[in-house]
Structures are given as C-alpha cells and as structure tokens.
Protein backbone atom coordinates (compact mmCIF):
# COMPACT_ATOMS: atom_id res chain seq x y z
CA UNK A 1 -35.03 -33.56 19.55
CA UNK A 2 -37.20 -34.22 22.95
CA UNK A 3 -36.10 -33.86 26.36
CA UNK A 4 -38.30 -35.30 29.14
CA UNK A 5 -37.98 -34.82 32.91
CA UNK A 6 -39.19 -36.96 35.73
CA UNK A 7 -38.46 -36.67 39.42
CA UNK A 8 -38.55 -39.10 42.19
CA UNK A 9 -36.25 -40.31 45.15
CA UNK A 10 -32.56 -40.38 44.38
CA UNK A 11 -32.25 -44.58 44.55
CA UNK A 12 -35.35 -44.96 42.57
CA UNK A 13 -34.19 -42.69 39.65
CA UNK A 14 -30.69 -44.09 39.82
CA UNK A 15 -32.09 -47.74 39.49
CA UNK A 16 -34.24 -46.42 36.13
CA UNK A 17 -31.18 -44.69 34.92
CA UNK A 18 -29.21 -48.17 35.34
CA UNK A 19 -32.41 -49.95 33.77
CA UNK A 20 -31.97 -47.56 30.84
CA UNK A 21 -28.29 -47.25 30.46
CA UNK A 22 -28.39 -47.19 26.62
CA UNK A 23 -30.41 -43.92 26.71
CA UNK A 24 -28.96 -40.54 27.09
CA UNK A 25 -30.11 -39.87 30.72
CA UNK A 26 -28.70 -37.75 33.11
CA UNK A 27 -29.48 -37.90 37.20
CA UNK A 28 -29.37 -34.96 39.07
CA UNK A 29 -30.05 -34.04 42.90
CA UNK A 30 -30.24 -30.91 45.50
CA UNK A 31 -31.28 -31.00 48.71
CA UNK A 32 -34.76 -30.86 47.97
CA UNK A 33 -35.36 -32.90 44.93
CA UNK A 34 -33.85 -35.32 42.24
CA UNK A 35 -34.35 -35.28 38.61
CA UNK A 36 -33.98 -37.46 35.64
CA UNK A 37 -33.52 -35.82 32.35
CA UNK A 38 -33.64 -38.11 29.01
CA UNK A 39 -32.71 -36.64 25.92
CA UNK A 40 -34.05 -38.59 22.64
CA UNK A 41 -35.50 -38.41 19.19
CA UNK A 42 -38.39 -40.76 20.19
CA UNK A 43 -40.41 -41.28 23.05
CA UNK A 44 -39.33 -41.36 26.82
CA UNK A 45 -38.71 -44.28 28.95
CA UNK A 46 -40.55 -42.36 31.93
CA UNK A 47 -44.18 -43.26 32.55
CA UNK A 48 -45.51 -39.65 33.14
CA UNK A 49 -42.69 -37.11 32.09
CA UNK A 50 -42.69 -33.38 31.61
CA UNK A 51 -42.63 -32.95 27.92
CA UNK A 52 -40.24 -30.43 26.19
CA UNK A 53 -38.90 -29.98 22.46
CA UNK A 54 -35.38 -28.63 22.33
CA UNK A 55 -35.37 -25.79 20.30
CA UNK A 56 -31.75 -24.92 20.54
CA UNK A 57 -28.75 -26.83 21.79
CA UNK A 58 -25.12 -27.08 21.87
CA UNK A 59 -22.55 -29.42 23.72
CA UNK A 60 -23.04 -32.58 25.42
CA UNK A 61 -24.08 -34.06 28.56
CA UNK A 62 -20.78 -36.22 28.96
CA UNK A 63 -18.72 -34.23 31.46
CA UNK A 64 -21.38 -32.48 33.03
CA UNK A 65 -21.05 -32.01 36.84
CA UNK A 66 -23.65 -29.22 37.57
CA UNK A 67 -27.06 -28.08 35.95
CA UNK A 68 -29.02 -25.04 36.08
CA UNK A 69 -32.54 -24.71 35.07
CA UNK A 70 -34.05 -21.47 34.28
CA UNK A 71 -37.71 -21.61 34.78
CA UNK A 72 -39.30 -18.95 32.40
CA UNK A 73 -43.40 -18.68 32.06
CA UNK A 74 -44.09 -16.95 28.59
CA UNK A 75 -47.22 -16.02 27.33
CA UNK A 76 -49.06 -17.78 24.35
CA UNK A 77 -48.67 -14.41 22.55
CA UNK A 78 -45.09 -14.11 23.61
CA UNK A 79 -43.79 -17.48 22.65
CA UNK A 80 -42.74 -16.57 19.02
CA UNK A 81 -40.48 -13.19 20.20
CA UNK A 82 -39.21 -15.44 23.35
CA UNK A 83 -37.88 -17.93 20.84
CA UNK A 84 -36.53 -15.37 18.29
CA UNK A 85 -34.46 -13.82 21.10
CA UNK A 86 -33.04 -17.21 21.91
CA UNK A 87 -32.46 -18.38 18.41
CA UNK A 88 -30.70 -14.94 17.91
CA UNK A 89 -28.73 -14.65 20.91
CA UNK A 90 -24.94 -14.05 20.82
CA UNK A 91 -23.91 -17.52 22.23
CA UNK A 92 -21.24 -16.28 24.44
CA UNK A 93 -22.23 -18.86 26.97
CA UNK A 94 -20.60 -21.39 24.50
CA UNK A 95 -17.16 -19.77 25.15
CA UNK A 96 -17.20 -19.82 28.86
CA UNK A 97 -14.53 -21.98 30.83
CA UNK A 98 -16.56 -24.82 32.54
CA UNK A 99 -19.26 -24.89 29.92
CA UNK A 100 -20.80 -28.41 28.92
CA UNK A 101 -24.09 -27.77 27.24
CA UNK A 102 -27.65 -25.56 26.93
CA UNK A 103 -30.88 -26.90 25.70
CA UNK A 104 -33.53 -24.22 25.43
CA UNK A 105 -36.57 -26.38 25.67
CA UNK A 106 -39.97 -25.41 24.64
CA UNK A 107 -42.78 -26.73 26.80
CA UNK A 108 -45.49 -29.27 25.14
CA UNK A 109 -47.67 -29.03 28.26
CA UNK A 110 -47.19 -26.10 30.15
CA UNK A 111 -46.24 -22.38 29.61
CA UNK A 112 -42.89 -22.44 31.21
CA UNK A 113 -39.89 -22.84 28.82
CA UNK A 114 -36.45 -24.19 30.59
CA UNK A 115 -33.12 -22.78 29.69
CA UNK A 116 -30.91 -25.72 30.80
CA UNK A 117 -27.00 -25.19 30.77
CA UNK A 118 -24.75 -27.87 32.15
CA UNK A 119 -21.30 -27.12 33.56
CA UNK A 120 -18.05 -28.87 34.56
CA UNK A 121 -18.72 -27.88 38.00
CA UNK A 122 -20.42 -25.10 40.11
CA UNK A 123 -17.53 -22.70 40.04
CA UNK A 124 -17.87 -22.69 36.11
CA UNK A 125 -21.37 -21.54 36.67
CA UNK A 126 -20.30 -18.65 39.11
CA UNK A 127 -17.68 -17.55 36.90
CA UNK A 128 -20.27 -17.00 33.98
CA UNK A 129 -22.61 -15.39 36.11
CA UNK A 130 -19.92 -12.63 37.12
CA UNK A 131 -18.92 -12.17 33.43
CA UNK A 132 -19.56 -9.37 31.26
CA UNK A 133 -21.20 -11.78 28.65
CA UNK A 134 -23.60 -12.68 31.17
CA UNK A 135 -24.44 -9.15 31.92
CA UNK A 136 -24.72 -8.40 28.37
CA UNK A 137 -26.74 -11.64 27.58
CA UNK A 138 -29.29 -10.78 30.47
CA UNK A 139 -29.90 -7.21 29.49
CA UNK A 140 -33.42 -5.76 29.58
CA UNK A 141 -34.53 -5.86 25.94
CA UNK A 142 -37.00 -3.54 24.26
CA UNK A 143 -40.36 -5.38 23.53
CA UNK A 144 -42.10 -2.62 21.98
CA UNK A 145 -43.58 -4.08 18.46
CA UNK A 146 -45.00 -1.10 16.49
CA UNK A 147 -46.38 1.30 19.26
CA UNK A 148 -47.89 -1.44 21.16
CA UNK A 149 -45.89 -2.87 24.22
CA UNK A 150 -46.11 -6.97 23.98
CA UNK A 151 -46.59 -8.96 26.96
CA UNK A 152 -44.09 -11.89 26.62
CA UNK A 153 -43.82 -13.42 30.38
CA UNK A 154 -46.84 -14.82 32.42
CA UNK A 155 -44.94 -14.74 35.58
CA UNK A 156 -41.50 -14.69 37.41
CA UNK A 157 -38.97 -16.93 36.32
CA UNK A 158 -37.06 -18.85 38.78
CA UNK A 159 -33.85 -20.91 39.01
CA UNK A 160 -33.36 -24.44 40.10
CA UNK A 161 -29.43 -25.91 40.48
CA UNK A 162 -28.43 -29.71 40.79
CA UNK A 163 -25.32 -31.63 41.22
CA UNK A 164 -24.77 -34.46 38.74
CA UNK A 165 -23.18 -37.35 40.56
CA UNK A 166 -20.28 -38.66 38.86
CA UNK A 167 -21.00 -42.68 37.75
CA UNK A 168 -20.14 -45.11 40.58
C-alpha cells in the first residue's frame, strides 16, 4: 500500500479532493499549511507528491478529525533497526480512546519516515500523550548491536498537527 502527500492552498486541495471523491483522500489544515493525503494500492492522482510505502497500519480514516505527523529522519544503516522496532511495537495506541488510525510510512525519496496518527479529535491525542502507555512506548531504547553503538537517526524529529475538516 502506498501513501502520497501533497500541499497547497486549502481551496485548491479541497477542489482536488472533490474531483477525486472516489479515492481515499484526506484534507487537513493547520494555520501554516494544508495537506492532502492519498492512500492507494496504485499511483497517486497528485502531480508531484511526496511518496511513501505503508509498512504498518491499523484503523481507518473515516472518523478522523485530527492528525499528527511525527517526522523522523533515519540513517540508511538505521532503517532496519527503526522498522524492526515499529513492526514489533506493543500496539498500545490502538486501544486509546479517540484513536482512529496509524500509518508507519517508509520514505521512497527522502530519509524521513512519518508516523501518521489519526484521532477523533485533539483531546484524544492529548489523552494519549499523558498516558502511561505513551511514556512506555517512547522510552529510550538501547541501540547497542554487539559492542558497537549503531546510529539510527540522522537528525532531530519534529511533529506537525492538523485539523481534518468535516465534509460540508
């Protein structure tokens, strides 16, 4: 499964989403930016999207009202370790009130993975952040491989948050 992301003005992206209403597309916005996310088995309807392969997923986009994208730059050497950790996570987030979906996105044209979580609303995400399960999921894990320490991350991660407007 693939996921594509494009950005633009809210009105332009809304028109693009409406034009392709048969596709699994989410429109989201924050004060600085608007995004369209397109999830599909095939190619995107976007002209020049950022391209990702979905390596882990749970849930659906249907009732989402809030999105959080955690952008994590990973070294080439660190990719297998990073992906192993996500493929073997405890999956506590899926049981959180307000949780709708998660997509772990492997970049096809950059070094930055995205962990996309979708929530019913912002309060659901905030409850997750304050939970014991969140703290456990985000503990620093030992990265020793044999005697050498492996460098997994190539830069600092950052988070972007978006509201998903309800259909008119």
